[in-house]
N, C-alpha and C. Protein backbone atom coordinates (compact mmCIF):
# COMPACT_ATOMS: atom_id res chain seq x y z
N PRO A 1 0.83 -1.21 0.00
CA PRO A 1 0.00 0.00 0.00
C PRO A 1 0.86 1.26 0.00
N ALA A 2 0.35 2.29 -0.61
CA ALA A 2 1.08 3.56 -0.70
C ALA A 2 1.16 4.22 0.68
N VAL A 3 2.27 4.88 0.93
CA VAL A 3 2.45 5.65 2.16
C VAL A 3 1.95 7.06 1.88
N PRO A 4 1.08 7.63 2.74
CA PRO A 4 0.61 9.00 2.51
C PRO A 4 1.80 9.95 2.43
N ALA A 5 1.82 10.77 1.41
CA ALA A 5 2.97 11.65 1.18
C ALA A 5 2.54 13.10 1.10
N PRO A 6 3.39 14.00 1.57
CA PRO A 6 3.12 15.42 1.35
C PRO A 6 3.31 15.74 -0.13
N ALA A 7 2.89 16.91 -0.54
CA ALA A 7 3.07 17.32 -1.94
C ALA A 7 4.56 17.56 -2.20
N ILE A 8 5.13 16.74 -3.08
CA ILE A 8 6.54 16.85 -3.44
C ILE A 8 6.63 16.80 -4.96
N ASP A 9 7.33 17.75 -5.54
CA ASP A 9 7.57 17.78 -6.99
C ASP A 9 9.04 17.54 -7.26
N GLY A 10 9.33 16.80 -8.31
CA GLY A 10 10.70 16.54 -8.70
C GLY A 10 10.78 16.20 -10.17
N ALA A 11 11.88 15.56 -10.54
CA ALA A 11 12.06 15.16 -11.93
C ALA A 11 12.89 13.88 -11.99
N VAL A 12 12.71 13.15 -13.08
CA VAL A 12 13.49 11.94 -13.32
C VAL A 12 14.88 12.36 -13.77
N ILE A 13 15.92 11.81 -13.11
CA ILE A 13 17.28 12.17 -13.51
C ILE A 13 18.01 11.00 -14.18
N ALA A 14 17.52 9.77 -13.98
CA ALA A 14 18.16 8.61 -14.62
C ALA A 14 17.21 7.43 -14.61
N ILE A 15 17.46 6.50 -15.55
CA ILE A 15 16.68 5.27 -15.66
C ILE A 15 17.65 4.13 -15.86
N LYS A 16 17.38 3.00 -15.21
CA LYS A 16 18.25 1.83 -15.35
C LYS A 16 17.38 0.60 -15.50
N GLY A 17 17.83 -0.34 -16.29
CA GLY A 17 17.11 -1.59 -16.45
C GLY A 17 16.27 -1.61 -17.71
N ASP A 18 15.57 -2.74 -17.91
CA ASP A 18 14.73 -2.88 -19.09
C ASP A 18 13.28 -2.57 -18.74
N ALA A 19 12.41 -2.68 -19.71
CA ALA A 19 11.00 -2.30 -19.52
C ALA A 19 10.32 -3.12 -18.43
N LYS A 20 10.75 -4.37 -18.23
CA LYS A 20 10.09 -5.22 -17.23
C LYS A 20 10.54 -4.93 -15.81
N SER A 21 11.76 -4.48 -15.63
CA SER A 21 12.27 -4.23 -14.27
C SER A 21 13.01 -2.89 -14.22
N GLN A 22 12.34 -1.87 -14.67
CA GLN A 22 12.95 -0.55 -14.76
C GLN A 22 13.06 0.11 -13.39
N LEU A 23 14.22 0.70 -13.13
CA LEU A 23 14.43 1.50 -11.93
C LEU A 23 14.55 2.95 -12.34
N VAL A 24 13.97 3.83 -11.55
CA VAL A 24 13.93 5.26 -11.88
C VAL A 24 14.57 6.02 -10.73
N LEU A 25 15.47 6.95 -11.05
CA LEU A 25 16.10 7.80 -10.04
C LEU A 25 15.49 9.20 -10.14
N LEU A 26 14.90 9.64 -9.02
CA LEU A 26 14.34 10.98 -8.96
C LEU A 26 15.32 11.92 -8.28
N GLY A 27 15.30 13.18 -8.66
CA GLY A 27 16.21 14.17 -8.11
C GLY A 27 15.71 14.82 -6.84
N VAL A 28 14.98 14.08 -6.02
CA VAL A 28 14.54 14.55 -4.71
C VAL A 28 14.78 13.42 -3.71
N GLY A 29 15.13 13.77 -2.48
CA GLY A 29 15.43 12.75 -1.49
C GLY A 29 15.11 13.24 -0.09
N GLU A 30 15.97 12.85 0.87
CA GLU A 30 15.76 13.24 2.27
C GLU A 30 15.64 14.76 2.40
N ASN A 31 16.38 15.48 1.55
CA ASN A 31 16.34 16.95 1.60
C ASN A 31 14.95 17.51 1.28
N ARG A 32 14.07 16.70 0.71
CA ARG A 32 12.69 17.13 0.40
C ARG A 32 11.67 16.26 1.14
N ARG A 33 12.10 15.57 2.19
CA ARG A 33 11.23 14.75 3.04
C ARG A 33 10.66 13.52 2.32
N VAL A 34 11.35 13.01 1.32
CA VAL A 34 10.92 11.79 0.63
C VAL A 34 11.21 10.59 1.55
N GLU A 35 10.28 9.64 1.58
CA GLU A 35 10.43 8.44 2.39
C GLU A 35 10.11 7.21 1.55
N PRO A 36 10.69 6.06 1.91
CA PRO A 36 10.34 4.82 1.20
C PRO A 36 8.83 4.58 1.27
N GLY A 37 8.28 4.12 0.16
CA GLY A 37 6.85 3.85 0.07
C GLY A 37 6.05 4.96 -0.59
N PHE A 38 6.62 6.16 -0.66
CA PHE A 38 5.92 7.26 -1.35
C PHE A 38 5.77 6.89 -2.82
N GLU A 39 4.62 7.24 -3.40
CA GLU A 39 4.39 7.01 -4.83
C GLU A 39 4.38 8.33 -5.57
N PHE A 40 5.03 8.34 -6.72
CA PHE A 40 5.09 9.51 -7.58
C PHE A 40 4.43 9.21 -8.92
N THR A 41 3.67 10.15 -9.42
CA THR A 41 3.13 10.08 -10.78
C THR A 41 4.16 10.70 -11.70
N ILE A 42 4.45 10.02 -12.81
CA ILE A 42 5.43 10.52 -13.78
C ILE A 42 4.66 11.08 -14.97
N TYR A 43 5.08 12.26 -15.40
CA TYR A 43 4.41 12.91 -16.53
C TYR A 43 5.33 13.93 -17.17
N PRO A 44 5.34 14.02 -18.50
CA PRO A 44 6.01 15.11 -19.19
C PRO A 44 4.92 16.09 -19.66
N GLY A 45 4.84 17.24 -19.04
CA GLY A 45 3.75 18.16 -19.41
C GLY A 45 2.44 17.66 -18.87
N ASN A 46 1.43 17.52 -19.75
CA ASN A 46 0.10 17.10 -19.31
C ASN A 46 -0.20 15.62 -19.56
N GLN A 47 0.78 14.85 -20.03
CA GLN A 47 0.53 13.46 -20.39
C GLN A 47 0.96 12.50 -19.28
N PHE A 48 0.04 11.64 -18.86
CA PHE A 48 0.34 10.64 -17.84
C PHE A 48 1.23 9.55 -18.42
N VAL A 49 2.34 9.25 -17.74
CA VAL A 49 3.24 8.19 -18.18
C VAL A 49 3.09 6.95 -17.30
N GLY A 50 3.10 7.15 -15.97
CA GLY A 50 2.99 6.00 -15.09
C GLY A 50 3.19 6.38 -13.64
N LYS A 51 3.36 5.35 -12.81
CA LYS A 51 3.57 5.55 -11.37
C LYS A 51 4.79 4.77 -10.93
N VAL A 52 5.53 5.36 -9.98
CA VAL A 52 6.68 4.70 -9.38
C VAL A 52 6.55 4.75 -7.86
N ARG A 53 7.18 3.79 -7.17
CA ARG A 53 7.19 3.77 -5.71
C ARG A 53 8.64 3.85 -5.22
N VAL A 54 8.88 4.73 -4.27
CA VAL A 54 10.22 4.92 -3.71
C VAL A 54 10.63 3.69 -2.91
N GLU A 55 11.82 3.17 -3.21
CA GLU A 55 12.36 2.02 -2.47
C GLU A 55 13.57 2.40 -1.64
N ARG A 56 14.35 3.37 -2.11
CA ARG A 56 15.56 3.77 -1.40
C ARG A 56 15.70 5.28 -1.47
N VAL A 57 16.07 5.88 -0.35
CA VAL A 57 16.19 7.34 -0.30
C VAL A 57 17.61 7.73 0.08
N LEU A 58 18.17 8.63 -0.70
CA LEU A 58 19.47 9.23 -0.41
C LEU A 58 19.23 10.69 -0.04
N ARG A 59 20.29 11.40 0.26
CA ARG A 59 20.13 12.79 0.68
C ARG A 59 19.39 13.62 -0.37
N ASP A 60 19.80 13.48 -1.64
CA ASP A 60 19.20 14.32 -2.68
C ASP A 60 18.68 13.52 -3.88
N ALA A 61 18.34 12.25 -3.65
CA ALA A 61 17.81 11.42 -4.73
C ALA A 61 17.00 10.27 -4.12
N ALA A 62 16.14 9.70 -4.95
CA ALA A 62 15.32 8.56 -4.52
C ALA A 62 15.28 7.52 -5.62
N GLY A 63 15.58 6.28 -5.25
CA GLY A 63 15.49 5.17 -6.19
C GLY A 63 14.10 4.57 -6.14
N CYS A 64 13.48 4.43 -7.30
CA CYS A 64 12.08 3.98 -7.38
C CYS A 64 11.93 2.81 -8.32
N ARG A 65 10.92 1.99 -8.03
CA ARG A 65 10.55 0.90 -8.93
C ARG A 65 9.27 1.31 -9.65
N VAL A 66 9.21 1.02 -10.95
CA VAL A 66 8.02 1.33 -11.73
C VAL A 66 6.89 0.40 -11.31
N LEU A 67 5.74 0.97 -10.95
CA LEU A 67 4.56 0.18 -10.60
C LEU A 67 3.77 -0.18 -11.85
N PHE A 68 3.54 0.83 -12.70
CA PHE A 68 2.87 0.58 -13.98
C PHE A 68 3.08 1.77 -14.90
N LEU A 69 2.95 1.50 -16.19
CA LEU A 69 3.07 2.52 -17.22
C LEU A 69 1.80 2.54 -18.05
N ALA A 70 1.44 3.71 -18.53
CA ALA A 70 0.33 3.83 -19.46
C ALA A 70 0.73 3.15 -20.77
N LYS A 71 -0.27 2.74 -21.52
CA LYS A 71 -0.03 2.05 -22.80
C LYS A 71 0.88 2.88 -23.71
N ASP A 72 1.91 2.22 -24.24
CA ASP A 72 2.87 2.82 -25.18
C ASP A 72 3.67 3.98 -24.58
N GLN A 73 3.82 4.01 -23.26
CA GLN A 73 4.59 5.07 -22.61
C GLN A 73 5.86 4.49 -21.99
N LYS A 74 6.87 5.35 -21.82
CA LYS A 74 8.05 4.96 -21.08
C LYS A 74 8.59 6.19 -20.35
N VAL A 75 9.25 5.93 -19.24
CA VAL A 75 9.82 7.01 -18.43
C VAL A 75 11.11 7.47 -19.10
N ARG A 76 11.29 8.79 -19.12
CA ARG A 76 12.49 9.38 -19.73
C ARG A 76 13.12 10.39 -18.78
N PRO A 77 14.45 10.53 -18.85
CA PRO A 77 15.08 11.58 -18.05
C PRO A 77 14.46 12.93 -18.39
N GLY A 78 14.21 13.73 -17.36
CA GLY A 78 13.59 15.04 -17.56
C GLY A 78 12.09 15.04 -17.33
N ASP A 79 11.45 13.84 -17.34
CA ASP A 79 10.02 13.78 -17.03
C ASP A 79 9.80 14.33 -15.63
N LEU A 80 8.67 14.96 -15.43
CA LEU A 80 8.32 15.48 -14.12
C LEU A 80 7.73 14.38 -13.26
N ALA A 81 7.84 14.56 -11.93
CA ALA A 81 7.31 13.58 -10.98
C ALA A 81 6.66 14.34 -9.84
N ALA A 82 5.52 13.84 -9.36
CA ALA A 82 4.83 14.50 -8.26
C ALA A 82 4.09 13.48 -7.43
N THR A 83 4.05 13.72 -6.11
CA THR A 83 3.28 12.85 -5.24
C THR A 83 1.79 13.19 -5.35
N ARG A 84 1.49 14.42 -5.68
CA ARG A 84 0.10 14.87 -5.85
C ARG A 84 0.01 15.77 -7.06
N LEU A 85 -0.97 15.48 -7.91
CA LEU A 85 -1.17 16.33 -9.08
C LEU A 85 -2.22 17.39 -8.75
N GLN A 86 -2.05 18.56 -9.32
CA GLN A 86 -2.98 19.66 -9.03
C GLN A 86 -3.98 19.83 -10.12
C-alpha cells in the first residue's frame, strides 16, 4: 500500500534496467522529506506516463521501482514527478 505523502515535486534524472524491471532515479530525497513507500506520478507536461514507488532514499535522490506505465509510454530523463497532481 502507498504511504501517505506530502506534496513533493521533482524530476526523473536517470533510468536503469529494461522495460520489465525498470528503476527510476528521482532528483529529490531526504532533503525534500521523501520516504520509502511514497508514490510519484510521472508525466512530461500534461501526459500521464505512469507511477513509481520509492524504495531507497538518499540525501538528494530517490530510487524507485516502476509500478505501472500507461499504454505505449516509457519514463524518460527530464520527465516530471509528483506525489500529488494539481
